[in-house]
């Protein structure tokens, strides 16, 4: 993870999640929340079969890898795993950011 906690001079927060749908039950990546900074989500897999449900405010989208989701600051959002195996990357474009409901 790249964050201010581990790298104090960082201006970006990056979290990489390895997702494997073969495990019993996968929980939602996050509860509905928002940030005071823009966010980018990357959904990638070798076989283009990783699927997520992305909620942005009151709209819900089903996305399949490879996908990129841009989330402007202030937009409430969450990501829910549907199926597949791959990598979910969360990039927050600020080293210092705040989350709220």
N, C-alpha and C. Protein backbone atom coordinates (compact mmCIF):
# COMPACT_ATOMS: atom_id res chain seq x y z
N UNK A 1 0.84 -1.16 0.00
CA UNK A 1 0.00 0.00 0.00
C UNK A 1 0.89 1.24 0.00
N UNK A 2 0.54 2.18 -0.85
CA UNK A 2 1.24 3.46 -0.89
C UNK A 2 0.35 4.46 -0.18
N UNK A 3 0.81 4.98 0.96
CA UNK A 3 0.02 5.95 1.71
C UNK A 3 0.94 6.81 2.55
N UNK A 4 0.40 7.90 3.09
CA UNK A 4 1.18 8.79 3.96
C UNK A 4 1.72 8.04 5.18
N UNK A 5 0.96 7.05 5.64
CA UNK A 5 1.39 6.29 6.81
C UNK A 5 2.72 5.59 6.55
N UNK A 6 2.87 4.99 5.37
CA UNK A 6 4.08 4.24 5.05
C UNK A 6 5.13 5.09 4.33
N UNK A 7 4.67 6.07 3.56
CA UNK A 7 5.56 6.95 2.79
C UNK A 7 5.11 8.39 3.00
N UNK A 8 5.63 9.08 4.01
CA UNK A 8 5.14 10.41 4.37
C UNK A 8 5.13 11.44 3.24
N UNK A 9 5.97 11.31 2.24
CA UNK A 9 5.99 12.30 1.15
C UNK A 9 5.01 11.97 0.02
N UNK A 10 4.26 10.89 0.16
CA UNK A 10 3.33 10.46 -0.89
C UNK A 10 2.16 11.43 -1.04
N UNK A 11 1.80 11.72 -2.29
CA UNK A 11 0.63 12.55 -2.59
C UNK A 11 -0.50 11.70 -3.15
N UNK A 12 -0.40 10.39 -3.02
CA UNK A 12 -1.40 9.47 -3.55
C UNK A 12 -1.56 8.31 -2.56
N UNK A 13 -2.79 7.80 -2.46
CA UNK A 13 -3.06 6.61 -1.66
C UNK A 13 -3.43 5.50 -2.64
N UNK A 14 -2.71 4.39 -2.62
CA UNK A 14 -2.98 3.27 -3.52
C UNK A 14 -3.11 1.99 -2.70
N UNK A 15 -4.23 1.29 -2.89
CA UNK A 15 -4.44 -0.01 -2.24
C UNK A 15 -4.73 -1.04 -3.32
N UNK A 16 -4.05 -2.18 -3.26
CA UNK A 16 -4.21 -3.25 -4.25
C UNK A 16 -4.83 -4.45 -3.54
N UNK A 17 -5.96 -4.93 -4.08
CA UNK A 17 -6.68 -6.06 -3.48
C UNK A 17 -6.69 -7.22 -4.46
N UNK A 18 -6.14 -8.36 -4.05
CA UNK A 18 -6.17 -9.56 -4.87
C UNK A 18 -7.48 -10.29 -4.55
N UNK A 19 -8.30 -10.50 -5.58
CA UNK A 19 -9.66 -11.02 -5.41
C UNK A 19 -9.73 -12.42 -6.00
N UNK A 20 -10.29 -13.36 -5.22
CA UNK A 20 -10.45 -14.72 -5.71
C UNK A 20 -11.86 -15.21 -5.36
N UNK A 21 -12.72 -15.29 -6.36
CA UNK A 21 -14.10 -15.70 -6.16
C UNK A 21 -14.26 -17.15 -5.77
N UNK A 22 -13.17 -17.93 -5.78
CA UNK A 22 -13.26 -19.33 -5.38
C UNK A 22 -13.37 -19.49 -3.87
N UNK A 23 -13.05 -18.42 -3.13
CA UNK A 23 -13.20 -18.48 -1.68
C UNK A 23 -14.68 -18.41 -1.34
N UNK A 24 -15.04 -18.88 -0.17
CA UNK A 24 -16.45 -19.04 0.19
C UNK A 24 -17.28 -17.78 -0.03
N UNK A 25 -17.17 -16.78 0.81
CA UNK A 25 -17.99 -15.59 0.66
C UNK A 25 -17.10 -14.36 0.67
N UNK A 26 -17.27 -13.53 -0.34
CA UNK A 26 -16.51 -12.28 -0.42
C UNK A 26 -17.42 -11.16 0.09
N UNK A 27 -16.91 -10.34 0.98
CA UNK A 27 -17.73 -9.23 1.47
C UNK A 27 -17.60 -8.04 0.54
N UNK A 28 -18.45 -7.04 0.75
CA UNK A 28 -18.36 -5.82 -0.03
C UNK A 28 -17.03 -5.15 0.27
N UNK A 29 -16.46 -4.53 -0.76
CA UNK A 29 -15.17 -3.86 -0.58
C UNK A 29 -15.32 -2.69 0.38
N UNK A 30 -16.45 -2.02 0.32
CA UNK A 30 -16.63 -0.87 1.19
C UNK A 30 -18.11 -0.58 1.40
N UNK A 31 -18.37 0.14 2.44
CA UNK A 31 -19.72 0.65 2.68
C UNK A 31 -19.83 1.97 1.89
N UNK A 32 -21.04 2.42 1.66
CA UNK A 32 -21.25 3.66 0.92
C UNK A 32 -20.58 4.81 1.67
N UNK A 33 -19.69 5.52 0.97
CA UNK A 33 -18.92 6.60 1.58
C UNK A 33 -18.49 7.59 0.50
N UNK A 34 -17.86 8.68 0.92
CA UNK A 34 -17.32 9.65 -0.04
C UNK A 34 -16.00 10.19 0.50
N UNK A 35 -15.22 10.81 -0.39
CA UNK A 35 -13.93 11.39 -0.04
C UNK A 35 -13.88 12.85 -0.46
N UNK A 36 -12.91 13.57 0.09
CA UNK A 36 -12.67 14.94 -0.33
C UNK A 36 -11.58 14.99 -1.40
N UNK A 37 -11.39 13.88 -2.10
CA UNK A 37 -10.40 13.79 -3.19
C UNK A 37 -10.95 12.83 -4.25
N UNK A 38 -10.51 13.02 -5.50
CA UNK A 38 -10.92 12.12 -6.59
C UNK A 38 -10.34 10.73 -6.36
N UNK A 39 -11.04 9.72 -6.91
CA UNK A 39 -10.60 8.33 -6.78
C UNK A 39 -10.70 7.63 -8.13
N UNK A 40 -9.80 6.70 -8.36
CA UNK A 40 -9.83 5.85 -9.55
C UNK A 40 -9.81 4.40 -9.10
N UNK A 41 -10.70 3.58 -9.65
CA UNK A 41 -10.69 2.14 -9.40
C UNK A 41 -10.30 1.43 -10.68
N UNK A 42 -9.40 0.46 -10.58
CA UNK A 42 -9.01 -0.38 -11.71
C UNK A 42 -9.45 -1.81 -11.39
N UNK A 43 -10.11 -2.44 -12.35
CA UNK A 43 -10.57 -3.82 -12.19
C UNK A 43 -9.94 -4.61 -13.32
N UNK A 44 -8.99 -5.49 -12.95
CA UNK A 44 -8.21 -6.20 -13.97
C UNK A 44 -8.13 -7.69 -13.67
N UNK A 45 -8.06 -8.49 -14.74
CA UNK A 45 -7.85 -9.93 -14.62
C UNK A 45 -7.28 -10.43 -15.93
N UNK A 46 -6.70 -11.61 -15.90
CA UNK A 46 -6.11 -12.18 -17.11
C UNK A 46 -7.17 -12.64 -18.10
N UNK A 47 -8.32 -13.07 -17.61
CA UNK A 47 -9.32 -13.66 -18.51
C UNK A 47 -10.56 -12.80 -18.71
N UNK A 48 -10.53 -11.54 -18.29
CA UNK A 48 -11.64 -10.60 -18.46
C UNK A 48 -12.93 -11.09 -17.82
N UNK A 49 -12.83 -11.81 -16.71
CA UNK A 49 -14.03 -12.34 -16.08
C UNK A 49 -14.25 -11.83 -14.66
N UNK A 50 -13.47 -10.86 -14.20
CA UNK A 50 -13.70 -10.29 -12.88
C UNK A 50 -14.84 -9.28 -12.99
N UNK A 51 -15.86 -9.45 -12.13
CA UNK A 51 -17.04 -8.58 -12.20
C UNK A 51 -17.30 -7.92 -10.86
N UNK A 52 -17.63 -6.64 -10.91
CA UNK A 52 -17.96 -5.85 -9.73
C UNK A 52 -19.23 -5.07 -9.97
N UNK A 53 -19.92 -4.75 -8.89
CA UNK A 53 -21.03 -3.81 -8.93
C UNK A 53 -20.52 -2.54 -8.27
N UNK A 54 -20.57 -1.43 -8.99
CA UNK A 54 -20.09 -0.15 -8.50
C UNK A 54 -21.29 0.77 -8.31
N UNK A 55 -21.44 1.32 -7.11
CA UNK A 55 -22.50 2.29 -6.87
C UNK A 55 -21.89 3.68 -6.77
N UNK A 56 -22.43 4.62 -7.55
CA UNK A 56 -22.04 6.02 -7.51
C UNK A 56 -23.30 6.82 -7.21
N UNK A 57 -23.39 7.38 -6.01
CA UNK A 57 -24.61 8.02 -5.51
C UNK A 57 -25.77 7.06 -5.66
N UNK A 58 -26.80 7.40 -6.43
CA UNK A 58 -27.98 6.54 -6.55
C UNK A 58 -27.96 5.63 -7.77
N UNK A 59 -26.86 5.63 -8.52
CA UNK A 59 -26.77 4.81 -9.73
C UNK A 59 -25.84 3.63 -9.49
N UNK A 60 -26.22 2.47 -10.04
CA UNK A 60 -25.43 1.25 -9.88
C UNK A 60 -25.03 0.72 -11.25
N UNK A 61 -23.77 0.31 -11.38
CA UNK A 61 -23.23 -0.19 -12.64
C UNK A 61 -22.59 -1.55 -12.40
N UNK A 62 -22.73 -2.45 -13.36
CA UNK A 62 -22.00 -3.72 -13.33
C UNK A 62 -20.83 -3.56 -14.30
N UNK A 63 -19.63 -3.81 -13.82
CA UNK A 63 -18.44 -3.65 -14.65
C UNK A 63 -17.66 -4.96 -14.69
N UNK A 64 -17.06 -5.22 -15.83
CA UNK A 64 -16.26 -6.42 -16.05
C UNK A 64 -14.86 -6.00 -16.45
N UNK A 65 -13.87 -6.72 -15.97
CA UNK A 65 -12.49 -6.40 -16.30
C UNK A 65 -12.24 -6.57 -17.80
N UNK A 66 -11.36 -5.76 -18.35
CA UNK A 66 -10.68 -4.63 -17.73
C UNK A 66 -11.58 -3.40 -17.71
N UNK A 67 -11.63 -2.74 -16.55
CA UNK A 67 -12.43 -1.53 -16.41
C UNK A 67 -11.70 -0.51 -15.55
N UNK A 68 -11.98 0.76 -15.83
CA UNK A 68 -11.49 1.87 -15.03
C UNK A 68 -12.70 2.69 -14.63
N UNK A 69 -12.80 3.02 -13.35
CA UNK A 69 -13.92 3.82 -12.85
C UNK A 69 -13.34 5.07 -12.21
N UNK A 70 -13.77 6.25 -12.68
CA UNK A 70 -13.36 7.52 -12.09
C UNK A 70 -14.46 8.00 -11.16
N UNK A 71 -14.11 8.34 -9.93
CA UNK A 71 -15.08 8.79 -8.94
C UNK A 71 -14.67 10.19 -8.48
N UNK A 72 -15.40 11.22 -8.91
CA UNK A 72 -15.07 12.58 -8.48
C UNK A 72 -15.25 12.76 -6.97
N UNK A 73 -14.46 13.65 -6.40
CA UNK A 73 -14.58 13.91 -4.96
C UNK A 73 -16.02 14.32 -4.64
N UNK A 74 -16.48 13.89 -3.46
CA UNK A 74 -17.82 14.23 -3.01
C UNK A 74 -18.91 13.27 -3.46
N UNK A 75 -18.60 12.33 -4.36
CA UNK A 75 -19.59 11.35 -4.83
C UNK A 75 -19.59 10.15 -3.88
N UNK A 76 -20.75 9.80 -3.34
CA UNK A 76 -20.85 8.62 -2.48
C UNK A 76 -20.70 7.38 -3.36
N UNK A 77 -19.93 6.41 -2.88
CA UNK A 77 -19.64 5.24 -3.70
C UNK A 77 -19.32 4.01 -2.85
N UNK A 78 -19.45 2.85 -3.51
CA UNK A 78 -19.00 1.60 -2.91
C UNK A 78 -18.80 0.59 -4.04
N UNK A 79 -18.03 -0.45 -3.75
CA UNK A 79 -17.75 -1.51 -4.72
C UNK A 79 -18.12 -2.84 -4.09
N UNK A 80 -18.83 -3.68 -4.86
CA UNK A 80 -19.24 -5.00 -4.38
C UNK A 80 -18.78 -6.06 -5.38
N UNK A 81 -18.02 -7.03 -4.91
CA UNK A 81 -17.56 -8.14 -5.73
C UNK A 81 -18.75 -8.97 -6.19
N UNK A 82 -18.76 -9.36 -7.48
CA UNK A 82 -19.79 -10.25 -8.00
C UNK A 82 -19.20 -11.63 -8.27
N UNK A 83 -18.15 -11.69 -9.11
CA UNK A 83 -17.57 -13.00 -9.43
C UNK A 83 -16.21 -12.83 -10.10
N UNK A 84 -15.47 -13.94 -10.17
CA UNK A 84 -14.20 -13.95 -10.88
C UNK A 84 -12.99 -13.92 -9.98
N UNK A 85 -11.86 -13.68 -10.61
CA UNK A 85 -10.56 -13.65 -9.94
C UNK A 85 -9.72 -12.59 -10.62
N UNK A 86 -9.03 -11.77 -9.84
CA UNK A 86 -8.19 -10.73 -10.43
C UNK A 86 -7.73 -9.74 -9.39
N UNK A 87 -7.59 -8.49 -9.82
CA UNK A 87 -7.05 -7.44 -8.96
C UNK A 87 -7.97 -6.23 -9.00
N UNK A 88 -8.29 -5.69 -7.81
CA UNK A 88 -9.05 -4.46 -7.67
C UNK A 88 -8.10 -3.43 -7.07
N UNK A 89 -7.86 -2.34 -7.78
CA UNK A 89 -6.94 -1.30 -7.32
C UNK A 89 -7.73 -0.04 -7.02
N UNK A 90 -7.50 0.53 -5.86
CA UNK A 90 -8.12 1.79 -5.46
C UNK A 90 -7.03 2.84 -5.38
N UNK A 91 -7.18 3.92 -6.14
CA UNK A 91 -6.21 5.01 -6.16
C UNK A 91 -6.93 6.29 -5.74
N UNK A 92 -6.54 6.87 -4.62
CA UNK A 92 -7.10 8.15 -4.18
C UNK A 92 -6.05 9.21 -4.46
N UNK A 93 -6.45 10.23 -5.20
CA UNK A 93 -5.51 11.21 -5.72
C UNK A 93 -5.20 12.30 -4.71
N UNK A 94 -4.84 11.87 -3.50
CA UNK A 94 -4.41 12.78 -2.45
C UNK A 94 -3.73 11.96 -1.37
N UNK A 95 -2.63 12.45 -0.87
CA UNK A 95 -1.97 11.76 0.23
C UNK A 95 -2.71 11.97 1.54
N UNK A 96 -3.39 13.12 1.63
CA UNK A 96 -4.19 13.43 2.82
C UNK A 96 -5.63 13.55 2.36
N UNK A 97 -6.45 12.63 2.76
CA UNK A 97 -7.86 12.67 2.36
C UNK A 97 -8.71 12.25 3.55
N UNK A 98 -9.97 12.59 3.47
CA UNK A 98 -10.92 12.21 4.51
C UNK A 98 -12.08 11.47 3.89
N UNK A 99 -12.58 10.47 4.60
CA UNK A 99 -13.77 9.73 4.18
C UNK A 99 -14.91 10.08 5.11
N UNK A 100 -16.12 10.07 4.56
CA UNK A 100 -17.32 10.28 5.37
C UNK A 100 -18.48 9.56 4.72
N UNK A 101 -19.56 9.40 5.46
CA UNK A 101 -20.75 8.71 4.94
C UNK A 101 -21.62 9.60 4.11
